[in-house]
Structure formats: C-alpha cells, structure tokens
Amino acid sequence: MSHSHFTSFDRTRIEEGLSFGLSSRQLGKRLHRSHTSISREVNRNSFNGIYRAEIAHALYETRKGNCGAKGKYSAELACLIADKILTKWSPEQITNTVAKDTVSFKTIYTWILENRIPGVSPEDLRHKGKRCKQEKRGVFSNGVSIHDRLRKCKR
C-alpha cells in the first residue's frame, strides 16, 4: 500500500477543520486519508494543545532533515587527505595513520574519483590512479550480472 506525507496544504486544511470543530474521522473523509493519520499528525505537531499548520510543517521539515546517514565527509578531513596525497602518501597509509577509525581507503579512492577532495585527481596518486577503479557491484568482468548468472545456474 502506498503512502504519502502531508503537504503544507493538507496541514492548512487540518488546521481549518479543527478550528470548525471537526473530528479526525470527518477530516479524514474530507482529505481522503485515514483518521488515524490525521490524529497522529495532530498529536505529533500540536504545541500546547493548539495545532498550527505553519509550525507543524516546520517541525516536519526539521525532523525530515535529521533523518538518514550523516556521512563522514568534512572539509577539514578533505584538506588533511589532500595534503597527505600531494606529499605522495597512499590512501592506505592515510587510513592506517592520520585518519585511523574515520574513513577507509576505499572511501578515499571514491572521494578522489568523485572530485570531492579539492586539488587532487587520480593522477596525483603514487600509481597514477591505475589501482583506483570505480567499484562495479553485481557485474562480472565479462559484463554479465550476478542475477543473470544465477538464473543460468538454476536451469
């Protein structure tokens, strides 16, 4: 079953309906939503027992921004990695010394390929990027995917 988040327009309609004294069931019928979704929205985003659409949407945006993985990239770490690579350190050496327990050498190679480390290209590495290859998950060297190979094995 598909789901969708409330929009600011939906929240405004909820606020208006509550000001007219409508129940969550009545609001649910008008908005073509479940009454439990309406009730949960009102309980989660009410402030001092009052539901305001603008405040509710701001709270939603704040919560939405806080979810998900944060990532390990920072400008300070990128400058440190760039400095070490330009002095001919390998990503493996960086990972095992100055960036211990923060990033892996594969992450450093990926950042270099994605141009996320300023002033560093694969040619700046000691092996001129010959060992730095884009990861191809799920594809064998002959171009056949793992799923195709498994299908052939089952036959």
C-alpha atoms as a PDB file:
ATOM      1  CA  MET A   1       0.000   0.000   0.000  1.00  0.00           C
ATOM      2  CA  SER A   2       1.414   3.391  -0.936  1.00  0.00           C
ATOM      3  CA  HIS A   3       1.740   6.268   1.469  1.00  0.00           C
ATOM      4  CA  SER A   4       2.377   9.965   1.137  1.00  0.00           C
ATOM      5  CA  HIS A   5       3.391  12.680   3.532  1.00  0.00           C
ATOM      6  CA  PHE A   6       1.132  15.549   4.455  1.00  0.00           C
ATOM      7  CA  THR A   7       1.732  18.688   2.430  1.00  0.00           C
ATOM      8  CA  SER A   8       1.518  22.209   3.814  1.00  0.00           C
ATOM      9  CA  PHE A   9      -1.855  22.481   2.058  1.00  0.00           C
ATOM     10  CA  ASP A  10      -3.098  19.356   3.868  1.00  0.00           C
ATOM     11  CA  ARG A  11      -1.913  20.759   7.172  1.00  0.00           C
ATOM     12  CA  THR A  12      -3.744  24.021   6.495  1.00  0.00           C
ATOM     13  CA  ARG A  13      -6.940  22.097   5.798  1.00  0.00           C
ATOM     14  CA  ILE A  14      -6.459  20.150   9.041  1.00  0.00           C
ATOM     15  CA  GLU A  15      -5.989  23.409  10.952  1.00  0.00           C
ATOM     16  CA  GLU A  16      -9.147  24.897   9.417  1.00  0.00           C
ATOM     17  CA  GLY A  17     -11.160  21.752  10.110  1.00  0.00           C
ATOM     18  CA  LEU A  18     -10.049  21.673  13.735  1.00  0.00           C
ATOM     19  CA  SER A  19     -10.993  25.335  14.154  1.00  0.00           C
ATOM     20  CA  PHE A  20     -14.521  24.427  12.948  1.00  0.00           C
ATOM     21  CA  GLY A  21     -14.645  21.595  15.471  1.00  0.00           C
ATOM     22  CA  LEU A  22     -14.422  18.661  13.036  1.00  0.00           C
ATOM     23  CA  SER A  23     -13.286  15.284  14.342  1.00  0.00           C
ATOM     24  CA  SER A  24     -10.331  13.354  12.940  1.00  0.00           C
ATOM     25  CA  ARG A  25     -12.768  10.957  11.245  1.00  0.00           C
ATOM     26  CA  GLN A  26     -14.555  13.818   9.487  1.00  0.00           C
ATOM     27  CA  LEU A  27     -11.240  15.373   8.478  1.00  0.00           C
ATOM     28  CA  GLY A  28     -10.044  12.014   7.198  1.00  0.00           C
ATOM     29  CA  LYS A  29     -13.077  11.679   4.933  1.00  0.00           C
ATOM     30  CA  ARG A  30     -12.613  15.198   3.569  1.00  0.00           C
ATOM     31  CA  LEU A  31      -8.887  14.738   2.924  1.00  0.00           C
ATOM     32  CA  HIS A  32      -9.236  11.113   1.741  1.00  0.00           C
ATOM     33  CA  ARG A  33      -6.864   9.988   4.486  1.00  0.00           C
ATOM     34  CA  SER A  34      -7.096   7.595   7.386  1.00  0.00           C
ATOM     35  CA  HIS A  35      -8.472   9.120  10.579  1.00  0.00           C
ATOM     36  CA  THR A  36      -5.526   7.639  12.477  1.00  0.00           C
ATOM     37  CA  SER A  37      -3.097   9.526  10.224  1.00  0.00           C
ATOM     38  CA  ILE A  38      -4.942  12.764  10.969  1.00  0.00           C
ATOM     39  CA  SER A  39      -4.977  12.035  14.698  1.00  0.00           C
ATOM     40  CA  ARG A  40      -1.267  11.144  14.697  1.00  0.00           C
ATOM     41  CA  GLU A  41      -0.417  14.332  12.785  1.00  0.00           C
ATOM     42  CA  VAL A  42      -2.361  16.491  15.236  1.00  0.00           C
ATOM     43  CA  ASN A  43      -0.887  14.790  18.323  1.00  0.00           C
ATOM     44  CA  ARG A  44       2.664  14.902  16.997  1.00  0.00           C
ATOM     45  CA  ASN A  45       2.661  18.518  15.838  1.00  0.00           C
ATOM     46  CA  SER A  46       0.422  20.290  18.338  1.00  0.00           C
ATOM     47  CA  PHE A  47       2.041  22.866  20.569  1.00  0.00           C
ATOM     48  CA  ASN A  48       0.344  23.481  23.933  1.00  0.00           C
ATOM     49  CA  GLY A  49      -2.756  21.705  22.626  1.00  0.00           C
ATOM     50  CA  ILE A  50      -3.042  24.001  19.597  1.00  0.00           C
ATOM     51  CA  TYR A  51      -2.394  22.807  16.039  1.00  0.00           C
ATOM     52  CA  ARG A  52      -0.919  25.377  13.635  1.00  0.00           C
ATOM     53  CA  ALA A  53      -0.131  24.387  10.061  1.00  0.00           C
ATOM     54  CA  GLU A  54       2.998  26.550   9.750  1.00  0.00           C
ATOM     55  CA  ILE A  55       4.509  25.236  12.965  1.00  0.00           C
ATOM     56  CA  ALA A  56       3.559  21.654  12.074  1.00  0.00           C
ATOM     57  CA  HIS A  57       5.205  21.934   8.660  1.00  0.00           C
ATOM     58  CA  ALA A  58       8.355  23.477  10.175  1.00  0.00           C
ATOM     59  CA  LEU A  59       8.555  20.618  12.685  1.00  0.00           C
ATOM     60  CA  TYR A  60       8.123  18.122   9.837  1.00  0.00           C
ATOM     61  CA  GLU A  61      10.922  19.743   7.820  1.00  0.00           C
ATOM     62  CA  THR A  62      13.224  19.696  10.863  1.00  0.00           C
ATOM     63  CA  ARG A  63      12.549  16.012  11.506  1.00  0.00           C
ATOM     64  CA  LYS A  64      12.994  15.193   7.827  1.00  0.00           C
ATOM     65  CA  GLY A  65      16.377  16.933   7.775  1.00  0.00           C
ATOM     66  CA  ASN A  66      17.606  14.968  10.796  1.00  0.00           C
ATOM     67  CA  CYS A  67      16.946  11.505   9.345  1.00  0.00           C
ATOM     68  CA  GLY A  68      19.293   9.408   7.249  1.00  0.00           C
ATOM     69  CA  ALA A  69      23.006   8.770   7.298  1.00  0.00           C
ATOM     70  CA  LYS A  70      25.181  11.762   8.052  1.00  0.00           C
ATOM     71  CA  GLY A  71      28.267  10.761   6.101  1.00  0.00           C
ATOM     72  CA  LYS A  72      31.901  11.080   7.073  1.00  0.00           C
ATOM     73  CA  TYR A  73      32.956  13.841   4.691  1.00  0.00           C
ATOM     74  CA  SER A  74      34.142  17.139   6.138  1.00  0.00           C
ATOM     75  CA  ALA A  75      36.194  19.974   4.722  1.00  0.00           C
ATOM     76  CA  GLU A  76      38.893  19.504   7.379  1.00  0.00           C
ATOM     77  CA  LEU A  77      39.248  15.798   6.590  1.00  0.00           C
ATOM     78  CA  ALA A  78      39.363  16.530   2.854  1.00  0.00           C
ATOM     79  CA  CYS A  79      42.164  19.074   3.374  1.00  0.00           C
ATOM     80  CA  LEU A  80      44.105  16.596   5.510  1.00  0.00           C
ATOM     81  CA  ILE A  81      43.735  13.869   2.879  1.00  0.00           C
ATOM     82  CA  ALA A  82      44.684  16.269   0.064  1.00  0.00           C
ATOM     83  CA  ASP A  83      47.797  17.372   1.933  1.00  0.00           C
ATOM     84  CA  LYS A  84      48.943  13.794   2.501  1.00  0.00           C
ATOM     85  CA  ILE A  85      48.202  12.646  -1.058  1.00  0.00           C
ATOM     86  CA  LEU A  86      50.089  15.584  -2.538  1.00  0.00           C
ATOM     87  CA  THR A  87      53.085  14.547  -0.408  1.00  0.00           C
ATOM     88  CA  LYS A  88      52.799  11.105  -2.044  1.00  0.00           C
ATOM     89  CA  TRP A  89      51.093   9.169   0.739  1.00  0.00           C
ATOM     90  CA  SER A  90      48.816   6.338  -0.382  1.00  0.00           C
ATOM     91  CA  PRO A  91      45.173   6.186   0.783  1.00  0.00           C
ATOM     92  CA  GLU A  92      46.109   3.010   2.673  1.00  0.00           C
ATOM     93  CA  GLN A  93      48.805   4.890   4.619  1.00  0.00           C
ATOM     94  CA  ILE A  94      46.405   7.735   5.370  1.00  0.00           C
ATOM     95  CA  THR A  95      43.784   5.310   6.644  1.00  0.00           C
ATOM     96  CA  ASN A  96      46.239   3.500   8.908  1.00  0.00           C
ATOM     97  CA  THR A  97      47.805   6.632  10.438  1.00  0.00           C
ATOM     98  CA  VAL A  98      46.179  10.084  10.485  1.00  0.00           C
ATOM     99  CA  ALA A  99      42.650   9.019   9.534  1.00  0.00           C
ATOM    100  CA  LYS A 100      42.541   5.891  11.672  1.00  0.00           C
ATOM    101  CA  ASP A 101      38.978   4.796  12.549  1.00  0.00           C
ATOM    102  CA  THR A 102      37.393   7.597  10.496  1.00  0.00           C
ATOM    103  CA  VAL A 103      37.410   6.549   6.831  1.00  0.00           C
ATOM    104  CA  SER A 104      38.529   3.540   4.840  1.00  0.00           C
ATOM    105  CA  PHE A 105      40.947   3.657   1.943  1.00  0.00           C
ATOM    106  CA  LYS A 106      38.106   2.707  -0.414  1.00  0.00           C
ATOM    107  CA  THR A 107      36.230   5.800   0.726  1.00  0.00           C
ATOM    108  CA  ILE A 108      39.276   7.944  -0.022  1.00  0.00           C
ATOM    109  CA  TYR A 109      39.572   6.438  -3.508  1.00  0.00           C
ATOM    110  CA  THR A 110      35.851   7.066  -4.076  1.00  0.00           C
ATOM    111  CA  TRP A 111      36.170  10.690  -2.963  1.00  0.00           C
ATOM    112  CA  ILE A 112      39.105  11.164  -5.327  1.00  0.00           C
ATOM    113  CA  LEU A 113      37.143   9.720  -8.258  1.00  0.00           C
ATOM    114  CA  GLU A 114      34.139  11.922  -7.398  1.00  0.00           C
ATOM    115  CA  ASN A 115      36.369  15.055  -7.172  1.00  0.00           C
ATOM    116  CA  ARG A 116      35.307  15.648  -3.556  1.00  0.00           C
ATOM    117  CA  ILE A 117      38.883  16.266  -2.407  1.00  0.00           C
ATOM    118  CA  PRO A 118      39.963  19.682  -3.719  1.00  0.00           C
ATOM    119  CA  GLY A 119      43.128  19.812  -5.788  1.00  0.00           C
ATOM    120  CA  VAL A 120      43.536  16.027  -6.013  1.00  0.00           C
ATOM    121  CA  SER A 121      42.996  13.856  -9.071  1.00  0.00           C
ATOM    122  CA  PRO A 122      43.767  10.167  -9.649  1.00  0.00           C
ATOM    123  CA  GLU A 123      46.994  11.221 -11.404  1.00  0.00           C
ATOM    124  CA  ASP A 124      48.252  12.674  -8.084  1.00  0.00           C
ATOM    125  CA  LEU A 125      48.350   9.201  -6.540  1.00  0.00           C
ATOM    126  CA  ARG A 126      51.631   7.269  -6.452  1.00  0.00           C
ATOM    127  CA  HIS A 127      50.399   4.779  -9.048  1.00  0.00           C
ATOM    128  CA  LYS A 128      48.716   7.494 -11.111  1.00  0.00           C
ATOM    129  CA  GLY A 129      45.242   6.072 -10.463  1.00  0.00           C
ATOM    130  CA  LYS A 130      45.926   2.680 -12.024  1.00  0.00           C
ATOM    131  CA  ARG A 131      44.823   0.926  -8.837  1.00  0.00           C
ATOM    132  CA  CYS A 132      41.944   3.331  -8.295  1.00  0.00           C
ATOM    133  CA  LYS A 133      38.958   1.804 -10.098  1.00  0.00           C
ATOM    134  CA  GLN A 134      35.267   2.547  -9.812  1.00  0.00           C
ATOM    135  CA  GLU A 135      33.507  -0.229  -7.937  1.00  0.00           C
ATOM    136  CA  LYS A 136      31.135  -2.323 -10.040  1.00  0.00           C
ATOM    137  CA  ARG A 137      28.955  -4.281  -7.675  1.00  0.00           C
ATOM    138  CA  GLY A 138      26.988  -7.116  -9.176  1.00  0.00           C
ATOM    139  CA  VAL A 139      28.748  -7.272 -12.558  1.00  0.00           C
ATOM    140  CA  PHE A 140      31.334  -9.856 -13.531  1.00  0.00           C
ATOM    141  CA  SER A 141      34.320  -8.961 -15.672  1.00  0.00           C
ATOM    142  CA  ASN A 142      32.605 -10.228 -18.820  1.00  0.00           C
ATOM    143  CA  GLY A 143      29.649  -7.861 -18.277  1.00  0.00           C
ATOM    144  CA  VAL A 144      27.124 -10.491 -17.142  1.00  0.00           C
ATOM    145  CA  SER A 145      25.269  -9.543 -13.978  1.00  0.00           C
ATOM    146  CA  ILE A 146      25.133 -11.804 -10.947  1.00  0.00           C
ATOM    147  CA  HIS A 147      21.375 -12.231 -11.338  1.00  0.00           C
ATOM    148  CA  ASP A 148      21.746 -13.469 -14.935  1.00  0.00           C
ATOM    149  CA  ARG A 149      24.440 -15.894 -13.875  1.00  0.00           C
ATOM    150  CA  LEU A 150      22.306 -17.248 -11.035  1.00  0.00           C
ATOM    151  CA  ARG A 151      19.385 -17.755 -13.415  1.00  0.00           C
ATOM    152  CA  LYS A 152      21.612 -19.809 -15.722  1.00  0.00           C
ATOM    153  CA  CYS A 153      22.830 -21.926 -12.800  1.00  0.00           C
ATOM    154  CA  LYS A 154      19.268 -22.791 -11.737  1.00  0.00           C
ATOM    155  CA  ARG A 155      18.350 -24.172 -15.156  1.00  0.00           C
END
